[in-house]
Amino acid sequence: MSDALPEDQTELPASLKFLKALVTILTGVMILGVVVIIFLLVTRLTQSNAAFALPDQITLPDGSTATAYTRGSDWFAVVTTSEDGESIVIYDLDGGTQRQEIKVD
């Protein structure tokens, strides 16, 4: 037995032509999407992060150790650990002067 179609049925039915076109279009869109995602990852990951540079020096309260750092638009905060417990110290971004200290219970 042969799997070949008879000579009068060599053309696909209309519904299968439509399905074949949809699958082809979907494949093209997926390939394009993957290329765009890779392009965006490469361009974003290679950008300079100079705007998020750490300060050169930070003066922490006596006996405390820095465990985390975060930055806002005009301030930065350091989570510190000491014998007294944890606290969040908020500094001015321009001069590095201490704005506030928040004790964490």
PDB file of N, CA and C in Angstrom:
ATOM      1  N   MET A   1       0.828  -1.175   0.000  1.00  0.00           N
ATOM      2  CA  MET A   1       0.000   0.000   0.000  1.00  0.00           C
ATOM      3  C   MET A   1       0.875   1.242   0.000  1.00  0.00           C
ATOM      4  N   SER A   2       0.479   2.150  -0.778  1.00  0.00           N
ATOM      5  CA  SER A   2       1.225   3.384  -0.919  1.00  0.00           C
ATOM      6  C   SER A   2       0.505   4.498  -0.175  1.00  0.00           C
ATOM      7  N   ASP A   3       1.311   5.390   0.444  1.00  0.00           N
ATOM      8  CA  ASP A   3       0.730   6.541   1.158  1.00  0.00           C
ATOM      9  C   ASP A   3       0.533   7.723   0.226  1.00  0.00           C
ATOM     10  N   ALA A   4       0.850   7.606  -1.006  1.00  0.00           N
ATOM     11  CA  ALA A   4       0.721   8.709  -1.954  1.00  0.00           C
ATOM     12  C   ALA A   4      -0.744   8.973  -2.239  1.00  0.00           C
ATOM     13  N   LEU A   5      -1.059  10.251  -2.449  1.00  0.00           N
ATOM     14  CA  LEU A   5      -2.425  10.646  -2.771  1.00  0.00           C
ATOM     15  C   LEU A   5      -2.726  10.322  -4.230  1.00  0.00           C
ATOM     16  N   PRO A   6      -3.950  10.039  -4.519  1.00  0.00           N
ATOM     17  CA  PRO A   6      -4.311   9.858  -5.927  1.00  0.00           C
ATOM     18  C   PRO A   6      -4.071  11.144  -6.695  1.00  0.00           C
ATOM     19  N   GLU A   7      -3.883  11.051  -7.976  1.00  0.00           N
ATOM     20  CA  GLU A   7      -3.531  12.204  -8.795  1.00  0.00           C
ATOM     21  C   GLU A   7      -4.584  13.300  -8.754  1.00  0.00           C
ATOM     22  N   ASP A   8      -5.816  12.981  -8.554  1.00  0.00           N
ATOM     23  CA  ASP A   8      -6.853  14.005  -8.530  1.00  0.00           C
ATOM     24  C   ASP A   8      -6.952  14.703  -7.172  1.00  0.00           C
ATOM     25  N   GLN A   9      -6.231  14.255  -6.122  1.00  0.00           N
ATOM     26  CA  GLN A   9      -6.275  14.867  -4.794  1.00  0.00           C
ATOM     27  C   GLN A   9      -4.901  15.409  -4.377  1.00  0.00           C
ATOM     28  N   THR A  10      -4.120  15.899  -5.297  1.00  0.00           N
ATOM     29  CA  THR A  10      -2.789  16.412  -4.955  1.00  0.00           C
ATOM     30  C   THR A  10      -2.843  17.770  -4.266  1.00  0.00           C
ATOM     31  N   GLU A  11      -3.918  18.501  -4.403  1.00  0.00           N
ATOM     32  CA  GLU A  11      -4.052  19.817  -3.776  1.00  0.00           C
ATOM     33  C   GLU A  11      -4.714  19.658  -2.412  1.00  0.00           C
ATOM     34  N   LEU A  12      -4.225  20.446  -1.427  1.00  0.00           N
ATOM     35  CA  LEU A  12      -4.775  20.388  -0.079  1.00  0.00           C
ATOM     36  C   LEU A  12      -6.161  21.021  -0.032  1.00  0.00           C
ATOM     37  N   PRO A  13      -7.007  20.547   0.860  1.00  0.00           N
ATOM     38  CA  PRO A  13      -8.311  21.197   1.045  1.00  0.00           C
ATOM     39  C   PRO A  13      -8.130  22.624   1.564  1.00  0.00           C
ATOM     40  N   ALA A  14      -9.119  23.455   1.393  1.00  0.00           N
ATOM     41  CA  ALA A  14      -9.053  24.869   1.778  1.00  0.00           C
ATOM     42  C   ALA A  14      -8.801  25.050   3.272  1.00  0.00           C
ATOM     43  N   SER A  15      -9.408  24.224   4.107  1.00  0.00           N
ATOM     44  CA  SER A  15      -9.213  24.362   5.552  1.00  0.00           C
ATOM     45  C   SER A  15      -7.773  24.042   5.949  1.00  0.00           C
ATOM     46  N   LEU A  16      -7.149  23.070   5.274  1.00  0.00           N
ATOM     47  CA  LEU A  16      -5.757  22.758   5.578  1.00  0.00           C
ATOM     48  C   LEU A  16      -4.811  23.820   5.038  1.00  0.00           C
ATOM     49  N   LYS A  17      -5.145  24.447   3.920  1.00  0.00           N
ATOM     50  CA  LYS A  17      -4.330  25.549   3.403  1.00  0.00           C
ATOM     51  C   LYS A  17      -4.332  26.708   4.396  1.00  0.00           C
ATOM     52  N   PHE A  18      -5.520  26.994   4.938  1.00  0.00           N
ATOM     53  CA  PHE A  18      -5.658  28.068   5.922  1.00  0.00           C
ATOM     54  C   PHE A  18      -4.845  27.736   7.179  1.00  0.00           C
ATOM     55  N   LEU A  19      -4.935  26.498   7.647  1.00  0.00           N
ATOM     56  CA  LEU A  19      -4.195  26.068   8.835  1.00  0.00           C
ATOM     57  C   LEU A  19      -2.685  26.133   8.583  1.00  0.00           C
ATOM     58  N   LYS A  20      -2.265  25.734   7.418  1.00  0.00           N
ATOM     59  CA  LYS A  20      -0.842  25.785   7.068  1.00  0.00           C
ATOM     60  C   LYS A  20      -0.344  27.235   7.058  1.00  0.00           C
ATOM     61  N   ALA A  21      -1.148  28.145   6.533  1.00  0.00           N
ATOM     62  CA  ALA A  21      -0.776  29.558   6.519  1.00  0.00           C
ATOM     63  C   ALA A  21      -0.690  30.110   7.941  1.00  0.00           C
ATOM     64  N   LEU A  22      -1.637  29.742   8.804  1.00  0.00           N
ATOM     65  CA  LEU A  22      -1.606  30.209  10.189  1.00  0.00           C
ATOM     66  C   LEU A  22      -0.362  29.711  10.925  1.00  0.00           C
ATOM     67  N   VAL A  23      -0.027  28.448  10.728  1.00  0.00           N
ATOM     68  CA  VAL A  23       1.153  27.889  11.391  1.00  0.00           C
ATOM     69  C   VAL A  23       2.424  28.573  10.885  1.00  0.00           C
ATOM     70  N   THR A  24       2.494  28.839   9.598  1.00  0.00           N
ATOM     71  CA  THR A  24       3.659  29.514   9.034  1.00  0.00           C
ATOM     72  C   THR A  24       3.792  30.931   9.594  1.00  0.00           C
ATOM     73  N   ILE A  25       2.681  31.652   9.664  1.00  0.00           N
ATOM     74  CA  ILE A  25       2.698  33.018  10.214  1.00  0.00           C
ATOM     75  C   ILE A  25       3.094  32.995  11.687  1.00  0.00           C
ATOM     76  N   LEU A  26       2.535  32.062  12.452  1.00  0.00           N
ATOM     77  CA  LEU A  26       2.861  31.948  13.877  1.00  0.00           C
ATOM     78  C   LEU A  26       4.338  31.634  14.079  1.00  0.00           C
ATOM     79  N   THR A  27       4.888  30.778  13.256  1.00  0.00           N
ATOM     80  CA  THR A  27       6.308  30.459  13.353  1.00  0.00           C
ATOM     81  C   THR A  27       7.158  31.708  13.097  1.00  0.00           C
ATOM     82  N   GLY A  28       6.801  32.478  12.093  1.00  0.00           N
ATOM     83  CA  GLY A  28       7.527  33.712  11.798  1.00  0.00           C
ATOM     84  C   GLY A  28       7.440  34.713  12.929  1.00  0.00           C
ATOM     85  N   VAL A  29       6.252  34.863  13.504  1.00  0.00           N
ATOM     86  CA  VAL A  29       6.068  35.808  14.617  1.00  0.00           C
ATOM     87  C   VAL A  29       6.870  35.360  15.836  1.00  0.00           C
ATOM     88  N   MET A  30       6.890  34.064  16.112  1.00  0.00           N
ATOM     89  CA  MET A  30       7.654  33.569  17.258  1.00  0.00           C
ATOM     90  C   MET A  30       9.152  33.778  17.057  1.00  0.00           C
ATOM     91  N   ILE A  31       9.648  33.538  15.856  1.00  0.00           N
ATOM     92  CA  ILE A  31      11.070  33.765  15.577  1.00  0.00           C
ATOM     93  C   ILE A  31      11.399  35.246  15.727  1.00  0.00           C
ATOM     94  N   LEU A  32      10.546  36.109  15.198  1.00  0.00           N
ATOM     95  CA  LEU A  32      10.751  37.549  15.340  1.00  0.00           C
ATOM     96  C   LEU A  32      10.727  37.967  16.813  1.00  0.00           C
ATOM     97  N   GLY A  33       9.812  37.407  17.595  1.00  0.00           N
ATOM     98  CA  GLY A  33       9.728  37.728  19.021  1.00  0.00           C
ATOM     99  C   GLY A  33      10.977  37.328  19.780  1.00  0.00           C
ATOM    100  N   VAL A  34      11.508  36.156  19.488  1.00  0.00           N
ATOM    101  CA  VAL A  34      12.731  35.703  20.156  1.00  0.00           C
ATOM    102  C   VAL A  34      13.902  36.606  19.777  1.00  0.00           C
ATOM    103  N   VAL A  35      13.983  37.001  18.516  1.00  0.00           N
ATOM    104  CA  VAL A  35      15.063  37.900  18.082  1.00  0.00           C
ATOM    105  C   VAL A  35      14.948  39.247  18.795  1.00  0.00           C
ATOM    106  N   VAL A  36      13.738  39.778  18.937  1.00  0.00           N
ATOM    107  CA  VAL A  36      13.536  41.060  19.626  1.00  0.00           C
ATOM    108  C   VAL A  36      13.920  40.942  21.096  1.00  0.00           C
ATOM    109  N   ILE A  37      13.530  39.858  21.751  1.00  0.00           N
ATOM    110  CA  ILE A  37      13.863  39.677  23.168  1.00  0.00           C
ATOM    111  C   ILE A  37      15.373  39.574  23.358  1.00  0.00           C
ATOM    112  N   ILE A  38      16.043  38.828  22.513  1.00  0.00           N
ATOM    113  CA  ILE A  38      17.499  38.718  22.612  1.00  0.00           C
ATOM    114  C   ILE A  38      18.150  40.076  22.379  1.00  0.00           C
ATOM    115  N   PHE A  39      17.668  40.821  21.383  1.00  0.00           N
ATOM    116  CA  PHE A  39      18.206  42.154  21.107  1.00  0.00           C
ATOM    117  C   PHE A  39      18.036  43.071  22.320  1.00  0.00           C
ATOM    118  N   LEU A  40      16.847  43.066  22.926  1.00  0.00           N
ATOM    119  CA  LEU A  40      16.616  43.917  24.092  1.00  0.00           C
ATOM    120  C   LEU A  40      17.485  43.516  25.273  1.00  0.00           C
ATOM    121  N   LEU A  41      17.645  42.224  25.510  1.00  0.00           N
ATOM    122  CA  LEU A  41      18.506  41.787  26.601  1.00  0.00           C
ATOM    123  C   LEU A  41      19.944  42.230  26.387  1.00  0.00           C
ATOM    124  N   VAL A  42      20.433  42.068  25.184  1.00  0.00           N
ATOM    125  CA  VAL A  42      21.819  42.448  24.904  1.00  0.00           C
ATOM    126  C   VAL A  42      22.009  43.952  25.050  1.00  0.00           C
ATOM    127  N   THR A  43      21.077  44.750  24.523  1.00  0.00           N
ATOM    128  CA  THR A  43      21.253  46.204  24.608  1.00  0.00           C
ATOM    129  C   THR A  43      21.070  46.721  26.028  1.00  0.00           C
ATOM    130  N   ARG A  44      20.147  46.151  26.786  1.00  0.00           N
ATOM    131  CA  ARG A  44      19.921  46.639  28.157  1.00  0.00           C
ATOM    132  C   ARG A  44      21.013  46.194  29.114  1.00  0.00           C
ATOM    133  N   LEU A  45      21.522  44.996  28.950  1.00  0.00           N
ATOM    134  CA  LEU A  45      22.523  44.504  29.879  1.00  0.00           C
ATOM    135  C   LEU A  45      23.900  45.104  29.639  1.00  0.00           C
ATOM    136  N   THR A  46      24.129  45.639  28.464  1.00  0.00           N
ATOM    137  CA  THR A  46      25.432  46.242  28.189  1.00  0.00           C
ATOM    138  C   THR A  46      25.454  47.746  28.439  1.00  0.00           C
ATOM    139  N   GLN A  47      24.332  48.339  28.823  1.00  0.00           N
ATOM    140  CA  GLN A  47      24.301  49.770  29.112  1.00  0.00           C
ATOM    141  C   GLN A  47      25.074  50.068  30.390  1.00  0.00           C
ATOM    142  N   SER A  48      25.623  51.252  30.453  1.00  0.00           N
ATOM    143  CA  SER A  48      26.379  51.678  31.622  1.00  0.00           C
ATOM    144  C   SER A  48      25.429  51.966  32.779  1.00  0.00           C
ATOM    145  N   ASN A  49      25.827  51.563  33.962  1.00  0.00           N
ATOM    146  CA  ASN A  49      25.049  51.831  35.166  1.00  0.00           C
ATOM    147  C   ASN A  49      25.696  52.935  35.997  1.00  0.00           C
ATOM    148  N   ALA A  50      26.253  53.928  35.337  1.00  0.00           N
ATOM    149  CA  ALA A  50      26.939  55.012  36.041  1.00  0.00           C
ATOM    150  C   ALA A  50      25.973  55.806  36.918  1.00  0.00           C
ATOM    151  N   ALA A  51      24.709  55.857  36.557  1.00  0.00           N
ATOM    152  CA  ALA A  51      23.733  56.602  37.351  1.00  0.00           C
ATOM    153  C   ALA A  51      23.487  55.941  38.699  1.00  0.00           C
ATOM    154  N   PHE A  52      23.851  54.674  38.831  1.00  0.00           N
ATOM    155  CA  PHE A  52      23.611  53.950  40.076  1.00  0.00           C
ATOM    156  C   PHE A  52      24.906  53.586  40.784  1.00  0.00           C
ATOM    157  N   ALA A  53      25.902  54.435  40.640  1.00  0.00           N
ATOM    158  CA  ALA A  53      27.194  54.180  41.280  1.00  0.00           C
ATOM    159  C   ALA A  53      27.070  54.352  42.792  1.00  0.00           C
ATOM    160  N   LEU A  54      27.821  53.559  43.514  1.00  0.00           N
ATOM    161  CA  LEU A  54      27.840  53.653  44.970  1.00  0.00           C
ATOM    162  C   LEU A  54      28.679  54.849  45.399  1.00  0.00           C
ATOM    163  N   PRO A  55      28.374  55.438  46.550  1.00  0.00           N
ATOM    164  CA  PRO A  55      29.214  56.522  47.059  1.00  0.00           C
ATOM    165  C   PRO A  55      30.598  55.990  47.425  1.00  0.00           C
ATOM    166  N   ASP A  56      31.590  56.878  47.393  1.00  0.00           N
ATOM    167  CA  ASP A  56      32.963  56.467  47.705  1.00  0.00           C
ATOM    168  C   ASP A  56      33.109  56.019  49.151  1.00  0.00           C
ATOM    169  N   GLN A  57      32.528  56.775  50.068  1.00  0.00           N
ATOM    170  CA  GLN A  57      32.640  56.473  51.495  1.00  0.00           C
ATOM    171  C   GLN A  57      31.316  56.732  52.179  1.00  0.00           C
ATOM    172  N   ILE A  58      31.010  55.886  53.156  1.00  0.00           N
ATOM    173  CA  ILE A  58      29.823  56.064  53.988  1.00  0.00           C
ATOM    174  C   ILE A  58      30.261  55.919  55.436  1.00  0.00           C
ATOM    175  N   THR A  59      29.897  56.891  56.266  1.00  0.00           N
ATOM    176  CA  THR A  59      30.210  56.821  57.683  1.00  0.00           C
ATOM    177  C   THR A  59      29.022  56.208  58.412  1.00  0.00           C
ATOM    178  N   LEU A  60      29.201  54.990  58.884  1.00  0.00           N
ATOM    179  CA  LEU A  60      28.140  54.277  59.592  1.00  0.00           C
ATOM    180  C   LEU A  60      28.210  54.565  61.084  1.00  0.00           C
ATOM    181  N   PRO A  61      27.103  54.386  61.797  1.00  0.00           N
ATOM    182  CA  PRO A  61      27.153  54.539  63.256  1.00  0.00           C
ATOM    183  C   PRO A  61      28.165  53.565  63.860  1.00  0.00           C
ATOM    184  N   ASP A  62      28.706  53.925  65.028  1.00  0.00           N
ATOM    185  CA  ASP A  62      29.749  53.111  65.677  1.00  0.00           C
ATOM    186  C   ASP A  62      29.247  51.696  65.954  1.00  0.00           C
ATOM    187  N   GLY A  63      30.104  50.714  65.652  1.00  0.00           N
ATOM    188  CA  GLY A  63      29.815  49.315  65.954  1.00  0.00           C
ATOM    189  C   GLY A  63      28.828  48.649  65.011  1.00  0.00           C
ATOM    190  N   SER A  64      28.488  49.270  63.909  1.00  0.00           N
ATOM    191  CA  SER A  64      27.510  48.682  63.000  1.00  0.00           C
ATOM    192  C   SER A  64      28.187  48.215  61.712  1.00  0.00           C
ATOM    193  N   THR A  65      27.546  47.242  61.095  1.00  0.00           N
ATOM    194  CA  THR A  65      28.043  46.671  59.845  1.00  0.00           C
ATOM    195  C   THR A  65      26.952  46.787  58.796  1.00  0.00           C
ATOM    196  N   ALA A  66      27.309  47.189  57.589  1.00  0.00           N
ATOM    197  CA  ALA A  66      26.336  47.328  56.498  1.00  0.00           C
ATOM    198  C   ALA A  66      25.948  45.952  55.981  1.00  0.00           C
ATOM    199  N   THR A  67      24.641  45.732  55.798  1.00  0.00           N
ATOM    200  CA  THR A  67      24.168  44.457  55.261  1.00  0.00           C
ATOM    201  C   THR A  67      23.393  44.626  53.950  1.00  0.00           C
ATOM    202  N   ALA A  68      22.893  45.840  53.683  1.00  0.00           N
ATOM    203  CA  ALA A  68      22.156  46.075  52.440  1.00  0.00           C
ATOM    204  C   ALA A  68      22.232  47.559  52.089  1.00  0.00           C
ATOM    205  N   TYR A  69      22.014  47.838  50.811  1.00  0.00           N
ATOM    206  CA  TYR A  69      22.091  49.208  50.302  1.00  0.00           C
ATOM    207  C   TYR A  69      20.958  49.406  49.312  1.00  0.00           C
ATOM    208  N   THR A  70      20.315  50.568  49.355  1.00  0.00           N
ATOM    209  CA  THR A  70      19.310  50.916  48.351  1.00  0.00           C
ATOM    210  C   THR A  70      19.409  52.403  48.068  1.00  0.00           C
ATOM    211  N   ARG A  71      18.875  52.796  46.912  1.00  0.00           N
ATOM    212  CA  ARG A  71      19.028  54.183  46.502  1.00  0.00           C
ATOM    213  C   ARG A  71      17.718  54.733  45.952  1.00  0.00           C
ATOM    214  N   GLY A  72      17.429  55.974  46.319  1.00  0.00           N
ATOM    215  CA  GLY A  72      16.291  56.696  45.767  1.00  0.00           C
ATOM    216  C   GLY A  72      16.776  57.800  44.854  1.00  0.00           C
ATOM    217  N   SER A  73      15.891  58.727  44.524  1.00  0.00           N
ATOM    218  CA  SER A  73      16.258  59.793  43.590  1.00  0.00           C
ATOM    219  C   SER A  73      17.256  60.785  44.184  1.00  0.00           C
ATOM    220  N   ASP A  74      17.106  61.119  45.471  1.00  0.00           N
ATOM    221  CA  ASP A  74      18.040  62.057  46.086  1.00  0.00           C
ATOM    222  C   ASP A  74      18.531  61.565  47.446  1.00  0.00           C
ATOM    223  N   TRP A  75      18.457  60.282  47.702  1.00  0.00           N
ATOM    224  CA  TRP A  75      18.895  59.701  48.963  1.00  0.00           C
ATOM    225  C   TRP A  75      19.380  58.273  48.727  1.00  0.00           C
ATOM    226  N   PHE A  76      20.093  57.754  49.705  1.00  0.00           N
ATOM    227  CA  PHE A  76      20.422  56.329  49.724  1.00  0.00           C
ATOM    228  C   PHE A  76      20.311  55.841  51.150  1.00  0.00           C
ATOM    229  N   ALA A  77      20.032  54.560  51.304  1.00  0.00           N
ATOM    230  CA  ALA A  77      19.844  53.983  52.627  1.00  0.00           C
ATOM    231  C   ALA A  77      20.730  52.757  52.781  1.00  0.00           C
ATOM    232  N   VAL A  78      21.206  52.565  54.005  1.00  0.00           N
ATOM    233  CA  VAL A  78      22.027  51.410  54.333  1.00  0.00           C
ATOM    234  C   VAL A  78      21.372  50.698  55.503  1.00  0.00           C
ATOM    235  N   VAL A  79      21.144  49.411  55.338  1.00  0.00           N
ATOM    236  CA  VAL A  79      20.641  48.599  56.443  1.00  0.00           C
ATOM    237  C   VAL A  79      21.856  48.137  57.219  1.00  0.00           C
ATOM    238  N   THR A  80      21.853  48.430  58.524  1.00  0.00           N
ATOM    239  CA  THR A  80      23.013  48.095  59.354  1.00  0.00           C
ATOM    240  C   THR A  80      22.618  47.110  60.438  1.00  0.00           C
ATOM    241  N   THR A  81      23.612  46.339  60.865  1.00  0.00           N
ATOM    242  CA  THR A  81      23.435  45.393  61.958  1.00  0.00           C
ATOM    243  C   THR A  81      24.474  45.711  63.026  1.00  0.00           C
ATOM    244  N   SER A  82      24.014  45.727  64.269  1.00  0.00           N
ATOM    245  CA  SER A  82      24.937  45.951  65.390  1.00  0.00           C
ATOM    246  C   SER A  82      24.440  45.145  66.574  1.00  0.00           C
ATOM    247  N   GLU A  83      25.110  45.308  67.713  1.00  0.00           N
ATOM    248  CA  GLU A  83      24.681  44.594  68.920  1.00  0.00           C
ATOM    249  C   GLU A  83      23.300  45.050  69.369  1.00  0.00           C
ATOM    250  N   ASP A  84      22.928  46.282  69.059  1.00  0.00           N
ATOM    251  CA  ASP A  84      21.629  46.828  69.449  1.00  0.00           C
ATOM    252  C   ASP A  84      20.500  46.314  68.561  1.00  0.00           C
ATOM    253  N   GLY A  85      20.825  45.706  67.439  1.00  0.00           N
ATOM    254  CA  GLY A  85      19.813  45.235  66.490  1.00  0.00           C
ATOM    255  C   GLY A  85      20.055  45.836  65.119  1.00  0.00           C
ATOM    256  N   GLU A  86      19.021  45.774  64.317  1.00  0.00           N
ATOM    257  CA  GLU A  86      19.133  46.306  62.961  1.00  0.00           C
ATOM    258  C   GLU A  86      18.526  47.697  62.883  1.00  0.00           C
ATOM    259  N   SER A  87      19.062  48.494  61.965  1.00  0.00           N
ATOM    260  CA  SER A  87      18.503  49.815  61.715  1.00  0.00           C
ATOM    261  C   SER A  87      18.740  50.184  60.259  1.00  0.00           C
ATOM    262  N   ILE A  88      17.942  51.125  59.778  1.00  0.00           N
ATOM    263  CA  ILE A  88      18.070  51.652  58.424  1.00  0.00           C
ATOM    264  C   ILE A  88      18.527  53.093  58.552  1.00  0.00           C
ATOM    265  N   VAL A  89      19.673  53.387  57.963  1.00  0.00           N
ATOM    266  CA  VAL A  89      20.231  54.732  58.038  1.00  0.00           C
ATOM    267  C   VAL A  89      20.082  55.365  56.654  1.00  0.00           C
ATOM    268  N   ILE A  90      19.414  56.517  56.599  1.00  0.00           N
ATOM    269  CA  ILE A  90      19.150  57.202  55.339  1.00  0.00           C
ATOM    270  C   ILE A  90      20.070  58.412  55.237  1.00  0.00           C
ATOM    271  N   TYR A  91      20.761  58.512  54.090  1.00  0.00           N
ATOM    272  CA  TYR A  91      21.725  59.578  53.852  1.00  0.00           C
ATOM    273  C   TYR A  91      21.282  60.433  52.676  1.00  0.00           C
ATOM    274  N   ASP A  92      21.773  61.670  52.663  1.00  0.00           N
ATOM    275  CA  ASP A  92      21.568  62.575  51.547  1.00  0.00           C
ATOM    276  C   ASP A  92      22.502  62.161  50.415  1.00  0.00           C
ATOM    277  N   LEU A  93      22.000  62.095  49.186  1.00  0.00           N
ATOM    278  CA  LEU A  93      22.815  61.637  48.064  1.00  0.00           C
ATOM    279  C   LEU A  93      23.892  62.647  47.694  1.00  0.00           C
ATOM    280  N   ASP A  94      23.593  63.925  47.839  1.00  0.00           N
ATOM    281  CA  ASP A  94      24.555  64.956  47.437  1.00  0.00           C
ATOM    282  C   ASP A  94      25.780  64.998  48.341  1.00  0.00           C
ATOM    283  N   GLY A  95      25.559  65.133  49.638  1.00  0.00           N
ATOM    284  CA  GLY A  95      26.688  65.291  50.544  1.00  0.00           C
ATOM    285  C   GLY A  95      26.999  64.078  51.383  1.00  0.00           C
ATOM    286  N   GLY A  96      26.132  63.125  51.414  1.00  0.00           N
ATOM    287  CA  GLY A  96      26.355  61.957  52.248  1.00  0.00           C
ATOM    288  C   GLY A  96      26.052  62.204  53.717  1.00  0.00           C
ATOM    289  N   THR A  97      25.343  63.303  54.013  1.00  0.00           N
ATOM    290  CA  THR A  97      24.989  63.581  55.399  1.00  0.00           C
ATOM    291  C   THR A  97      23.789  62.738  55.803  1.00  0.00           C
ATOM    292  N   GLN A  98      23.782  62.321  57.063  1.00  0.00           N
ATOM    293  CA  GLN A  98      22.723  61.446  57.548  1.00  0.00           C
ATOM    294  C   GLN A  98      21.422  62.219  57.707  1.00  0.00           C
ATOM    295  N   ARG A  99      20.351  61.711  57.103  1.00  0.00           N
ATOM    296  CA  ARG A  99      19.025  62.334  57.221  1.00  0.00           C
ATOM    297  C   ARG A  99      18.232  61.746  58.381  1.00  0.00           C
ATOM    298  N   GLN A 100      18.259  60.410  58.468  1.00  0.00           N
ATOM    299  CA  GLN A 100      17.366  59.757  59.410  1.00  0.00           C
ATOM    300  C   GLN A 100      17.909  58.365  59.729  1.00  0.00           C
ATOM    301  N   GLU A 101      17.598  57.892  60.936  1.00  0.00           N
ATOM    302  CA  GLU A 101      17.927  56.515  61.308  1.00  0.00           C
ATOM    303  C   GLU A 101      16.653  55.865  61.845  1.00  0.00           C
ATOM    304  N   ILE A 102      16.334  54.716  61.314  1.00  0.00           N
ATOM    305  CA  ILE A 102      15.108  54.009  61.710  1.00  0.00           C
ATOM    306  C   ILE A 102      15.501  52.686  62.330  1.00  0.00           C
ATOM    307  N   LYS A 103      15.102  52.470  63.577  1.00  0.00           N
ATOM    308  CA  LYS A 103      15.377  51.209  64.256  1.00  0.00           C
ATOM    309  C   LYS A 103      14.363  50.162  63.797  1.00  0.00           C
ATOM    310  N   VAL A 104      14.874  48.970  63.505  1.00  0.00           N
ATOM    311  CA  VAL A 104      14.016  47.870  63.068  1.00  0.00           C
ATOM    312  C   VAL A 104      13.905  46.891  64.229  1.00  0.00           C
ATOM    313  N   ASP A 105      12.694  46.600  64.659  1.00  0.00           N
ATOM    314  CA  ASP A 105      12.493  45.670  65.783  1.00  0.00           C
ATOM    315  C   ASP A 105      12.391  44.255  65.322  1.00  0.00           C
TER     316      ASP A 105
END
